[in-house]
Amino acid sequence: MFLATLIAIAVCTLRLILFHLGRPPEGTDFLIVHFFALVTIVFFTDHRLLRTDKSAGFPI
């Protein structure tokens, strides 16, 4: 969950920086950044859960 929090903070910070520079993301311009952030959060969170779960049948 620590990594997920860091990624969420990084995305929010990037959005605020763009807003203060006078270039706020409009519409779907920032959609790809949000998509990659969500995919990264889900991947690393689930990867950690699978590594720590002794009953998981997936070899890691």
PDB file of N, CA and C in Angstrom:
ATOM      1  N   MET A   1       0.810  -1.187   0.000  1.00  0.00           N
ATOM      2  CA  MET A   1       0.000   0.000   0.000  1.00  0.00           C
ATOM      3  C   MET A   1       0.861   1.262   0.000  1.00  0.00           C
ATOM      4  N   PHE A   2       2.083   1.141   0.448  1.00  0.00           N
ATOM      5  CA  PHE A   2       2.981   2.293   0.462  1.00  0.00           C
ATOM      6  C   PHE A   2       3.263   2.764  -0.964  1.00  0.00           C
ATOM      7  N   LEU A   3       3.509   1.803  -1.863  1.00  0.00           N
ATOM      8  CA  LEU A   3       3.777   2.153  -3.263  1.00  0.00           C
ATOM      9  C   LEU A   3       2.548   2.780  -3.910  1.00  0.00           C
ATOM     10  N   ALA A   4       1.382   2.254  -3.604  1.00  0.00           N
ATOM     11  CA  ALA A   4       0.148   2.810  -4.154  1.00  0.00           C
ATOM     12  C   ALA A   4      -0.047   4.252  -3.697  1.00  0.00           C
ATOM     13  N   THR A   5       0.258   4.536  -2.455  1.00  0.00           N
ATOM     14  CA  THR A   5       0.138   5.897  -1.931  1.00  0.00           C
ATOM     15  C   THR A   5       1.134   6.831  -2.611  1.00  0.00           C
ATOM     16  N   LEU A   6       2.353   6.366  -2.810  1.00  0.00           N
ATOM     17  CA  LEU A   6       3.357   7.195  -3.484  1.00  0.00           C
ATOM     18  C   LEU A   6       2.955   7.515  -4.917  1.00  0.00           C
ATOM     19  N   ILE A   7       2.418   6.542  -5.631  1.00  0.00           N
ATOM     20  CA  ILE A   7       2.012   6.770  -7.018  1.00  0.00           C
ATOM     21  C   ILE A   7       0.840   7.742  -7.071  1.00  0.00           C
ATOM     22  N   ALA A   8      -0.118   7.584  -6.160  1.00  0.00           N
ATOM     23  CA  ALA A   8      -1.257   8.499  -6.131  1.00  0.00           C
ATOM     24  C   ALA A   8      -0.801   9.929  -5.828  1.00  0.00           C
ATOM     25  N   ILE A   9       0.129  10.078  -4.917  1.00  0.00           N
ATOM     26  CA  ILE A   9       0.660  11.404  -4.587  1.00  0.00           C
ATOM     27  C   ILE A   9       1.418  11.989  -5.781  1.00  0.00           C
ATOM     28  N   ALA A  10       2.174  11.162  -6.482  1.00  0.00           N
ATOM     29  CA  ALA A  10       2.925  11.635  -7.644  1.00  0.00           C
ATOM     30  C   ALA A  10       1.993  12.115  -8.748  1.00  0.00           C
ATOM     31  N   VAL A  11       0.921  11.389  -8.999  1.00  0.00           N
ATOM     32  CA  VAL A  11      -0.030  11.796 -10.041  1.00  0.00           C
ATOM     33  C   VAL A  11      -0.728  13.098  -9.644  1.00  0.00           C
ATOM     34  N   CYS A  12      -1.132  13.204  -8.396  1.00  0.00           N
ATOM     35  CA  CYS A  12      -1.775  14.444  -7.932  1.00  0.00           C
ATOM     36  C   CYS A  12      -0.810  15.621  -8.005  1.00  0.00           C
ATOM     37  N   THR A  13       0.434  15.403  -7.640  1.00  0.00           N
ATOM     38  CA  THR A  13       1.440  16.461  -7.694  1.00  0.00           C
ATOM     39  C   THR A  13       1.683  16.904  -9.130  1.00  0.00           C
ATOM     40  N   LEU A  14       1.779  15.955 -10.053  1.00  0.00           N
ATOM     41  CA  LEU A  14       1.963  16.297 -11.460  1.00  0.00           C
ATOM     42  C   LEU A  14       0.795  17.117 -11.982  1.00  0.00           C
ATOM     43  N   ARG A  15      -0.407  16.734 -11.600  1.00  0.00           N
ATOM     44  CA  ARG A  15      -1.591  17.467 -12.039  1.00  0.00           C
ATOM     45  C   ARG A  15      -1.592  18.895 -11.471  1.00  0.00           C
ATOM     46  N   LEU A  16      -1.212  19.044 -10.201  1.00  0.00           N
ATOM     47  CA  LEU A  16      -1.159  20.375  -9.597  1.00  0.00           C
ATOM     48  C   LEU A  16      -0.071  21.244 -10.229  1.00  0.00           C
ATOM     49  N   ILE A  17       1.068  20.650 -10.533  1.00  0.00           N
ATOM     50  CA  ILE A  17       2.151  21.398 -11.182  1.00  0.00           C
ATOM     51  C   ILE A  17       1.696  21.898 -12.542  1.00  0.00           C
ATOM     52  N   LEU A  18       1.043  21.041 -13.311  1.00  0.00           N
ATOM     53  CA  LEU A  18       0.547  21.466 -14.619  1.00  0.00           C
ATOM     54  C   LEU A  18      -0.492  22.572 -14.473  1.00  0.00           C
ATOM     55  N   PHE A  19      -1.321  22.483 -13.452  1.00  0.00           N
ATOM     56  CA  PHE A  19      -2.327  23.516 -13.220  1.00  0.00           C
ATOM     57  C   PHE A  19      -1.677  24.854 -12.883  1.00  0.00           C
ATOM     58  N   HIS A  20      -0.650  24.838 -12.036  1.00  0.00           N
ATOM     59  CA  HIS A  20       0.017  26.079 -11.641  1.00  0.00           C
ATOM     60  C   HIS A  20       0.868  26.663 -12.761  1.00  0.00           C
ATOM     61  N   LEU A  21       1.272  25.831 -13.714  1.00  0.00           N
ATOM     62  CA  LEU A  21       2.025  26.338 -14.863  1.00  0.00           C
ATOM     63  C   LEU A  21       1.107  26.934 -15.921  1.00  0.00           C
ATOM     64  N   GLY A  22      -0.192  26.844 -15.695  1.00  0.00           N
ATOM     65  CA  GLY A  22      -1.136  27.401 -16.655  1.00  0.00           C
ATOM     66  C   GLY A  22      -1.531  26.438 -17.751  1.00  0.00           C
ATOM     67  N   ARG A  23      -1.202  25.166 -17.596  1.00  0.00           N
ATOM     68  CA  ARG A  23      -1.546  24.158 -18.591  1.00  0.00           C
ATOM     69  C   ARG A  23      -2.319  23.020 -17.935  1.00  0.00           C
ATOM     70  N   PRO A  24      -3.497  23.301 -17.410  1.00  0.00           N
ATOM     71  CA  PRO A  24      -4.269  22.227 -16.769  1.00  0.00           C
ATOM     72  C   PRO A  24      -4.696  21.196 -17.805  1.00  0.00           C
ATOM     73  N   PRO A  25      -4.616  19.919 -17.450  1.00  0.00           N
ATOM     74  CA  PRO A  25      -5.028  18.881 -18.397  1.00  0.00           C
ATOM     75  C   PRO A  25      -6.530  18.972 -18.662  1.00  0.00           C
ATOM     76  N   GLU A  26      -6.882  19.033 -19.911  1.00  0.00           N
ATOM     77  CA  GLU A  26      -8.287  19.145 -20.312  1.00  0.00           C
ATOM     78  C   GLU A  26      -8.803  17.795 -20.794  1.00  0.00           C
ATOM     79  N   GLY A  27      -9.982  17.470 -20.407  1.00  0.00           N
ATOM     80  CA  GLY A  27     -10.653  16.266 -20.916  1.00  0.00           C
ATOM     81  C   GLY A  27      -9.850  15.007 -20.742  1.00  0.00           C
ATOM     82  N   THR A  28      -9.526  14.384 -21.867  1.00  0.00           N
ATOM     83  CA  THR A  28      -8.837  13.093 -21.837  1.00  0.00           C
ATOM     84  C   THR A  28      -7.324  13.225 -21.990  1.00  0.00           C
ATOM     85  N   ASP A  29      -6.789  14.427 -21.914  1.00  0.00           N
ATOM     86  CA  ASP A  29      -5.337  14.601 -22.064  1.00  0.00           C
ATOM     87  C   ASP A  29      -4.561  13.889 -20.964  1.00  0.00           C
ATOM     88  N   PHE A  30      -5.113  13.870 -19.776  1.00  0.00           N
ATOM     89  CA  PHE A  30      -4.420  13.273 -18.633  1.00  0.00           C
ATOM     90  C   PHE A  30      -4.868  11.830 -18.390  1.00  0.00           C
ATOM     91  N   LEU A  31      -5.766  11.333 -19.248  1.00  0.00           N
ATOM     92  CA  LEU A  31      -6.333  10.005 -19.076  1.00  0.00           C
ATOM     93  C   LEU A  31      -5.256   8.917 -19.123  1.00  0.00           C
ATOM     94  N   ILE A  32      -4.297   9.031 -20.019  1.00  0.00           N
ATOM     95  CA  ILE A  32      -3.263   7.999 -20.156  1.00  0.00           C
ATOM     96  C   ILE A  32      -2.391   7.940 -18.907  1.00  0.00           C
ATOM     97  N   VAL A  33      -2.121   9.088 -18.278  1.00  0.00           N
ATOM     98  CA  VAL A  33      -1.323   9.100 -17.052  1.00  0.00           C
ATOM     99  C   VAL A  33      -2.084   8.416 -15.926  1.00  0.00           C
ATOM    100  N   HIS A  34      -3.368   8.716 -15.807  1.00  0.00           N
ATOM    101  CA  HIS A  34      -4.183   8.054 -14.788  1.00  0.00           C
ATOM    102  C   HIS A  34      -4.271   6.553 -15.040  1.00  0.00           C
ATOM    103  N   PHE A  35      -4.408   6.170 -16.303  1.00  0.00           N
ATOM    104  CA  PHE A  35      -4.486   4.752 -16.655  1.00  0.00           C
ATOM    105  C   PHE A  35      -3.212   4.012 -16.244  1.00  0.00           C
ATOM    106  N   PHE A  36      -2.058   4.548 -16.605  1.00  0.00           N
ATOM    107  CA  PHE A  36      -0.798   3.888 -16.253  1.00  0.00           C
ATOM    108  C   PHE A  36      -0.573   3.867 -14.743  1.00  0.00           C
ATOM    109  N   ALA A  37      -0.998   4.915 -14.052  1.00  0.00           N
ATOM    110  CA  ALA A  37      -0.871   4.931 -12.599  1.00  0.00           C
ATOM    111  C   ALA A  37      -1.737   3.841 -11.973  1.00  0.00           C
ATOM    112  N   LEU A  38      -2.964   3.706 -12.426  1.00  0.00           N
ATOM    113  CA  LEU A  38      -3.844   2.664 -11.895  1.00  0.00           C
ATOM    114  C   LEU A  38      -3.321   1.268 -12.187  1.00  0.00           C
ATOM    115  N   VAL A  39      -2.830   1.056 -13.399  1.00  0.00           N
ATOM    116  CA  VAL A  39      -2.284  -0.259 -13.759  1.00  0.00           C
ATOM    117  C   VAL A  39      -1.071  -0.584 -12.889  1.00  0.00           C
ATOM    118  N   THR A  40      -0.208   0.393 -12.662  1.00  0.00           N
ATOM    119  CA  THR A  40       0.970   0.180 -11.826  1.00  0.00           C
ATOM    120  C   THR A  40       0.583  -0.124 -10.384  1.00  0.00           C
ATOM    121  N   ILE A  41      -0.379   0.615  -9.865  1.00  0.00           N
ATOM    122  CA  ILE A  41      -0.835   0.373  -8.494  1.00  0.00           C
ATOM    123  C   ILE A  41      -1.402  -1.028  -8.350  1.00  0.00           C
ATOM    124  N   VAL A  42      -2.271  -1.423  -9.264  1.00  0.00           N
ATOM    125  CA  VAL A  42      -2.895  -2.748  -9.190  1.00  0.00           C
ATOM    126  C   VAL A  42      -1.842  -3.845  -9.346  1.00  0.00           C
ATOM    127  N   PHE A  43      -0.917  -3.689 -10.291  1.00  0.00           N
ATOM    128  CA  PHE A  43       0.089  -4.727 -10.526  1.00  0.00           C
ATOM    129  C   PHE A  43       0.960  -4.955  -9.292  1.00  0.00           C
ATOM    130  N   PHE A  44       1.534  -3.891  -8.752  1.00  0.00           N
ATOM    131  CA  PHE A  44       2.455  -4.068  -7.630  1.00  0.00           C
ATOM    132  C   PHE A  44       1.746  -4.469  -6.346  1.00  0.00           C
ATOM    133  N   THR A  45       0.520  -3.979  -6.146  1.00  0.00           N
ATOM    134  CA  THR A  45      -0.223  -4.380  -4.960  1.00  0.00           C
ATOM    135  C   THR A  45      -0.576  -5.858  -5.026  1.00  0.00           C
ATOM    136  N   ASP A  46      -1.078  -6.311  -6.173  1.00  0.00           N
ATOM    137  CA  ASP A  46      -1.429  -7.727  -6.309  1.00  0.00           C
ATOM    138  C   ASP A  46      -0.195  -8.621  -6.319  1.00  0.00           C
ATOM    139  N   HIS A  47       0.886  -8.145  -6.883  1.00  0.00           N
ATOM    140  CA  HIS A  47       2.120  -8.926  -6.892  1.00  0.00           C
ATOM    141  C   HIS A  47       2.606  -9.163  -5.461  1.00  0.00           C
ATOM    142  N   ARG A  48       2.530  -8.125  -4.654  1.00  0.00           N
ATOM    143  CA  ARG A  48       2.944  -8.267  -3.254  1.00  0.00           C
ATOM    144  C   ARG A  48       2.022  -9.214  -2.494  1.00  0.00           C
ATOM    145  N   LEU A  49       0.721  -9.112  -2.752  1.00  0.00           N
ATOM    146  CA  LEU A  49      -0.231 -10.013  -2.095  1.00  0.00           C
ATOM    147  C   LEU A  49       0.029 -11.468  -2.483  1.00  0.00           C
ATOM    148  N   LEU A  50       0.325 -11.711  -3.750  1.00  0.00           N
ATOM    149  CA  LEU A  50       0.605 -13.083  -4.186  1.00  0.00           C
ATOM    150  C   LEU A  50       1.904 -13.608  -3.583  1.00  0.00           C
ATOM    151  N   ARG A  51       2.913 -12.745  -3.459  1.00  0.00           N
ATOM    152  CA  ARG A  51       4.185 -13.189  -2.873  1.00  0.00           C
ATOM    153  C   ARG A  51       4.044 -13.553  -1.409  1.00  0.00           C
ATOM    154  N   THR A  52       3.206 -12.847  -0.679  1.00  0.00           N
ATOM    155  CA  THR A  52       3.079 -13.093   0.755  1.00  0.00           C
ATOM    156  C   THR A  52       2.057 -14.162   1.087  1.00  0.00           C
ATOM    157  N   ASP A  53       1.206 -14.558   0.125  1.00  0.00           N
ATOM    158  CA  ASP A  53       0.182 -15.551   0.379  1.00  0.00           C
ATOM    159  C   ASP A  53       0.757 -16.950   0.176  1.00  0.00           C
ATOM    160  N   LYS A  54       0.775 -17.737   1.239  1.00  0.00           N
ATOM    161  CA  LYS A  54       1.362 -19.089   1.161  1.00  0.00           C
ATOM    162  C   LYS A  54       0.453 -20.066   0.424  1.00  0.00           C
ATOM    163  N   SER A  55      -0.847 -19.781   0.358  1.00  0.00           N
ATOM    164  CA  SER A  55      -1.770 -20.715  -0.297  1.00  0.00           C
ATOM    165  C   SER A  55      -1.960 -20.400  -1.782  1.00  0.00           C
ATOM    166  N   ALA A  56      -1.289 -19.372  -2.297  1.00  0.00           N
ATOM    167  CA  ALA A  56      -1.433 -19.040  -3.724  1.00  0.00           C
ATOM    168  C   ALA A  56      -0.770 -20.119  -4.560  1.00  0.00           C
ATOM    169  N   GLY A  57      -1.466 -20.571  -5.574  1.00  0.00           N
ATOM    170  CA  GLY A  57      -0.952 -21.643  -6.423  1.00  0.00           C
ATOM    171  C   GLY A  57      -0.108 -21.151  -7.566  1.00  0.00           C
ATOM    172  N   PHE A  58       0.064 -19.862  -7.682  1.00  0.00           N
ATOM    173  CA  PHE A  58       0.828 -19.292  -8.791  1.00  0.00           C
ATOM    174  C   PHE A  58       2.303 -19.192  -8.383  1.00  0.00           C
ATOM    175  N   PRO A  59       3.191 -19.875  -9.122  1.00  0.00           N
ATOM    176  CA  PRO A  59       4.621 -19.814  -8.753  1.00  0.00           C
ATOM    177  C   PRO A  59       5.242 -18.479  -9.106  1.00  0.00           C
ATOM    178  N   ILE A  60       5.816 -17.840  -8.106  1.00  0.00           N
ATOM    179  CA  ILE A  60       6.490 -16.555  -8.343  1.00  0.00           C
ATOM    180  C   ILE A  60       7.955 -16.695  -7.936  1.00  0.00           C
TER     181      ILE A  60
END
